[in-house]
Amino acid sequence: MRKLFVLGLTIALFASCQKSPDPELSSMFSYTPMEIGNYWVYAHYQIDSAGIELPTSHTDSIIISGDTLINGSRYFIFQGTNYPWNGGKWQIVSIMKDSSGYLVDINGIIRFASDNFTDILASKVEVYNGDTLFTLSYQMEAAVGEVTVPAGTFEALNYKGTVTMPMDRPGIKNPRYINTFYAKGTGKILETYFFLNDSRINEKRLVRYGLAGK
């Protein structure tokens, strides 16, 4: 099977009738500040099995371009490029909402939780031509200390994915891990991804960002 699968991905609660919080305060305490006009720019790096890293020519830009109501809940539209998943083309990347500290996408899949470090938040089994290629499960990892990217140094939480293949492959670790680090008041600062048939790891590192009203 020569088909390559890229990994790095990456359940809603009810909406209350309380007074809306101040947007600036919300951005300070959210791990994914959600206001129209917020943007993030990432550079891609490739790291080989010896730990040698090289910058690549790929960059991604994401902006919250709008919002929409779905079943009474306000979702925000993230638009931009998202290499390699959409080939670097400009389009809607995701539609998500913040639900009491849970980042939830339009399909109800939890993409992050600020205070749940015990439950499996998302999982899948990838099957191709009747064969299981891998199983994947996501769980939050508590603060791992400071994470440094071109945009700065941040305290972060990790939405960590564990990828297990049914059979070992020469030179490739099994299981492997997808790390997606979020910093409070900033958003996603670093994300890893890889190809199943390649031992190298790729990272998307935050270069700069802008929050509406700041």
Protein backbone atom coordinates (compact mmCIF):
# COMPACT_ATOMS: atom_id res chain seq x y z
CA MET A 1 0.00 0.00 0.00
CA ARG A 2 1.68 3.17 -1.15
CA LYS A 3 -1.00 5.52 0.02
CA LEU A 4 0.52 7.96 2.53
CA PHE A 5 -1.44 9.29 5.44
CA VAL A 6 -0.50 12.52 7.15
CA LEU A 7 -1.11 12.65 10.88
CA GLY A 8 -1.49 15.67 13.05
CA LEU A 9 -5.06 16.44 13.43
CA THR A 10 -5.62 17.49 15.27
CA ILE A 11 -18.87 17.20 22.04
CA ALA A 12 -20.59 20.28 22.92
CA LEU A 13 -22.01 21.71 26.17
CA PHE A 14 -25.08 23.92 26.37
CA ALA A 15 -24.90 27.67 25.92
CA SER A 16 -25.79 29.76 28.97
CA CYS A 17 -27.71 33.00 29.17
CA GLN A 18 -25.12 34.74 31.29
CA LYS A 19 -23.76 38.16 30.36
CA SER A 20 -21.09 37.86 27.68
CA PRO A 21 -17.57 38.24 29.13
CA ASP A 22 -15.29 41.07 28.10
CA PRO A 23 -13.60 39.95 24.83
CA GLU A 24 -10.16 41.09 26.01
CA LEU A 25 -10.46 39.14 29.27
CA SER A 26 -11.72 36.10 27.37
CA SER A 27 -8.67 36.21 25.11
CA MET A 28 -6.35 36.40 28.12
CA PHE A 29 -7.68 33.22 29.69
CA SER A 30 -8.55 31.15 26.62
CA TYR A 31 -6.13 28.67 25.08
CA THR A 32 -7.68 29.50 21.69
CA PRO A 33 -8.70 33.18 21.74
CA MET A 34 -11.76 33.46 19.53
CA GLU A 35 -12.47 36.86 18.05
CA ILE A 36 -12.98 37.73 14.39
CA GLY A 37 -9.70 39.05 13.04
CA ASN A 38 -7.39 36.96 15.23
CA TYR A 39 -4.62 35.41 13.14
CA TRP A 40 -1.64 33.05 13.45
CA VAL A 41 1.33 32.44 11.11
CA TYR A 42 3.40 29.23 11.24
CA ALA A 43 6.68 28.08 9.70
CA HIS A 44 7.36 24.39 8.97
CA TYR A 45 10.48 22.51 10.03
CA GLN A 46 11.61 18.94 9.36
CA ILE A 47 13.55 16.90 11.94
CA ASP A 48 15.38 13.67 11.10
CA SER A 49 16.04 10.67 13.36
CA ALA A 50 19.35 12.21 14.49
CA GLY A 51 17.57 15.34 15.70
CA ILE A 52 18.90 17.52 12.90
CA GLU A 53 16.28 20.06 11.88
CA LEU A 54 15.89 22.07 8.72
CA PRO A 55 13.43 24.85 7.86
CA THR A 56 11.21 24.09 4.87
CA SER A 57 9.61 26.40 2.32
CA HIS A 58 6.12 25.89 3.77
CA THR A 59 4.29 28.50 5.83
CA ASP A 60 0.70 28.61 7.02
CA SER A 61 -1.52 31.57 7.81
CA ILE A 62 -4.79 31.17 9.71
CA ILE A 63 -7.35 33.90 10.45
CA ILE A 64 -10.73 33.86 12.15
CA SER A 65 -12.71 35.23 9.24
CA GLY A 66 -16.21 35.11 10.68
CA ASP A 67 -18.67 33.29 12.88
CA THR A 68 -21.92 31.37 12.53
CA LEU A 69 -24.72 30.02 14.68
CA ILE A 70 -25.22 26.24 14.67
CA ASN A 71 -27.97 24.75 16.85
CA GLY A 72 -27.93 27.91 18.94
CA SER A 73 -24.17 27.85 19.56
CA ARG A 74 -21.70 30.39 18.20
CA TYR A 75 -18.90 28.84 16.14
CA PHE A 76 -15.90 30.66 14.68
CA ILE A 77 -14.62 30.10 11.15
CA PHE A 78 -10.87 29.51 10.84
CA GLN A 79 -9.72 30.18 7.30
CA GLY A 80 -6.31 29.98 5.67
CA THR A 81 -3.69 27.47 4.59
CA ASN A 82 -3.03 24.22 6.41
CA TYR A 83 -0.18 22.33 4.76
CA PRO A 84 -0.07 19.38 4.11
CA TRP A 85 -3.73 18.64 4.79
CA ASN A 86 -5.13 20.99 2.19
CA GLY A 87 -2.00 21.31 0.05
CA GLY A 88 -1.38 24.86 1.21
CA LYS A 89 -4.52 26.21 -0.50
CA TRP A 90 -6.50 29.04 1.07
CA GLN A 91 -9.82 27.71 2.33
CA ILE A 92 -11.86 27.08 5.48
CA VAL A 93 -9.60 25.08 7.78
CA SER A 94 -12.02 24.45 10.64
CA ILE A 95 -15.17 25.68 12.35
CA MET A 96 -14.91 25.54 16.14
CA LYS A 97 -16.23 26.88 19.41
CA ASP A 98 -14.96 27.14 22.96
CA SER A 99 -17.33 25.28 25.27
CA SER A 100 -16.38 25.74 28.93
CA GLY A 101 -12.69 25.16 28.28
CA TYR A 102 -13.23 22.51 25.59
CA LEU A 103 -12.31 23.32 22.00
CA VAL A 104 -14.97 21.57 19.91
CA ASP A 105 -15.20 21.36 16.13
CA ILE A 106 -18.30 21.39 13.97
CA ASN A 107 -18.48 17.56 14.10
CA GLY A 108 -18.51 17.50 17.90
CA ILE A 109 -14.92 16.26 18.18
CA ILE A 110 -12.95 17.64 21.13
CA ARG A 111 -9.70 19.22 19.93
CA PHE A 112 -8.46 20.47 23.31
CA ALA A 113 -9.46 20.59 26.99
CA SER A 114 -7.97 22.93 29.55
CA ASP A 115 -8.60 20.80 32.65
CA ASN A 116 -9.33 17.20 31.63
CA PHE A 117 -6.15 15.13 31.83
CA THR A 118 -7.72 11.69 32.36
CA ASP A 119 -10.22 11.00 29.56
CA ILE A 120 -9.60 9.99 25.96
CA LEU A 121 -10.98 13.03 24.15
CA ALA A 122 -10.98 11.73 20.56
CA SER A 123 -10.08 8.50 18.78
CA LYS A 124 -10.24 6.82 15.39
CA VAL A 125 -9.23 3.68 13.54
CA GLU A 126 -7.89 4.24 10.00
CA VAL A 127 -8.69 1.39 7.60
CA TYR A 128 -7.53 1.11 3.99
CA ASN A 129 -8.60 -1.72 1.66
CA GLY A 130 -9.79 -3.70 4.65
CA ASP A 131 -6.51 -3.38 6.56
CA THR A 132 -6.05 -1.35 9.72
CA LEU A 133 -3.30 1.19 9.13
CA PHE A 134 -3.27 2.67 12.60
CA THR A 135 -5.29 3.54 15.68
CA LEU A 136 -5.18 7.05 17.07
CA SER A 137 -6.26 8.44 20.43
CA TYR A 138 -5.95 11.93 21.92
CA GLN A 139 -5.51 12.83 25.56
CA MET A 140 -4.43 16.03 27.28
CA GLU A 141 -0.95 16.19 28.77
CA ALA A 142 -0.42 18.51 31.73
CA ALA A 143 1.91 21.51 31.53
CA VAL A 144 5.22 20.40 30.07
CA GLY A 145 7.12 23.55 30.97
CA GLU A 146 8.17 26.26 28.57
CA VAL A 147 7.91 25.76 24.81
CA THR A 148 10.00 28.04 22.59
CA VAL A 149 9.00 28.92 19.03
CA PRO A 150 9.95 31.88 16.82
CA ALA A 151 7.09 33.93 18.31
CA GLY A 152 8.44 33.54 21.85
CA THR A 153 8.54 31.26 24.87
CA PHE A 154 5.25 30.04 26.35
CA GLU A 155 3.82 27.85 29.08
CA ALA A 156 1.69 25.32 27.22
CA LEU A 157 -0.62 22.34 27.47
CA ASN A 158 -0.32 19.46 25.00
CA TYR A 159 -3.21 17.84 23.14
CA LYS A 160 -1.26 14.61 22.62
CA GLY A 161 -2.12 11.97 20.05
CA THR A 162 -0.85 8.38 20.28
CA VAL A 163 -0.56 6.56 16.95
CA THR A 164 -0.21 2.77 17.07
CA MET A 165 0.33 0.66 13.96
CA PRO A 166 -0.64 -3.04 13.99
CA MET A 167 2.77 -4.02 12.58
CA ASP A 168 6.21 -2.54 13.20
CA ARG A 169 8.02 -0.96 10.27
CA PRO A 170 11.83 -0.96 9.97
CA GLY A 171 13.35 2.25 11.29
CA ILE A 172 10.02 3.73 12.39
CA LYS A 173 8.97 4.01 16.02
CA ASN A 174 5.75 2.38 17.14
CA PRO A 175 3.81 3.95 18.77
CA ARG A 176 4.42 7.49 17.59
CA TYR A 177 3.10 10.73 18.99
CA ILE A 178 1.45 13.88 17.69
CA ASN A 179 1.95 16.92 19.87
CA THR A 180 -0.18 20.05 19.64
CA PHE A 181 0.77 22.72 22.16
CA TYR A 182 -1.57 25.54 23.16
CA ALA A 183 -0.63 28.58 25.24
CA LYS A 184 -3.10 30.56 27.30
CA GLY A 185 -4.01 33.85 25.70
CA THR A 186 -2.22 32.92 22.47
CA GLY A 187 -3.59 29.76 20.87
CA LYS A 188 -1.77 26.94 19.10
CA ILE A 189 1.96 27.56 19.19
CA LEU A 190 3.40 24.27 17.90
CA GLU A 191 2.06 21.20 16.11
CA THR A 192 3.83 18.06 14.93
CA TYR A 193 2.88 15.77 12.05
CA PHE A 194 4.46 12.92 10.10
CA PHE A 195 3.95 10.44 7.29
CA LEU A 196 3.47 6.81 8.26
CA ASN A 197 6.25 5.61 5.95
CA ASP A 198 8.75 8.28 7.00
CA SER A 199 10.73 8.37 10.24
CA ARG A 200 11.12 12.14 10.09
CA ILE A 201 8.99 14.49 12.18
CA ASN A 202 7.59 17.79 10.93
CA GLU A 203 6.76 20.77 13.13
CA LYS A 204 4.61 23.82 12.57
CA ARG A 205 5.96 26.61 14.79
CA LEU A 206 4.23 29.88 15.53
CA VAL A 207 6.10 32.81 13.95
CA ARG A 208 3.71 35.65 14.78
CA TYR A 209 0.11 36.23 15.75
CA GLY A 210 -2.36 39.04 16.25
CA LEU A 211 -5.39 39.29 18.52
CA ALA A 212 -8.26 41.66 17.70
CA GLY A 213 -8.25 44.73 19.88
CA LYS A 214 -4.64 44.33 21.02
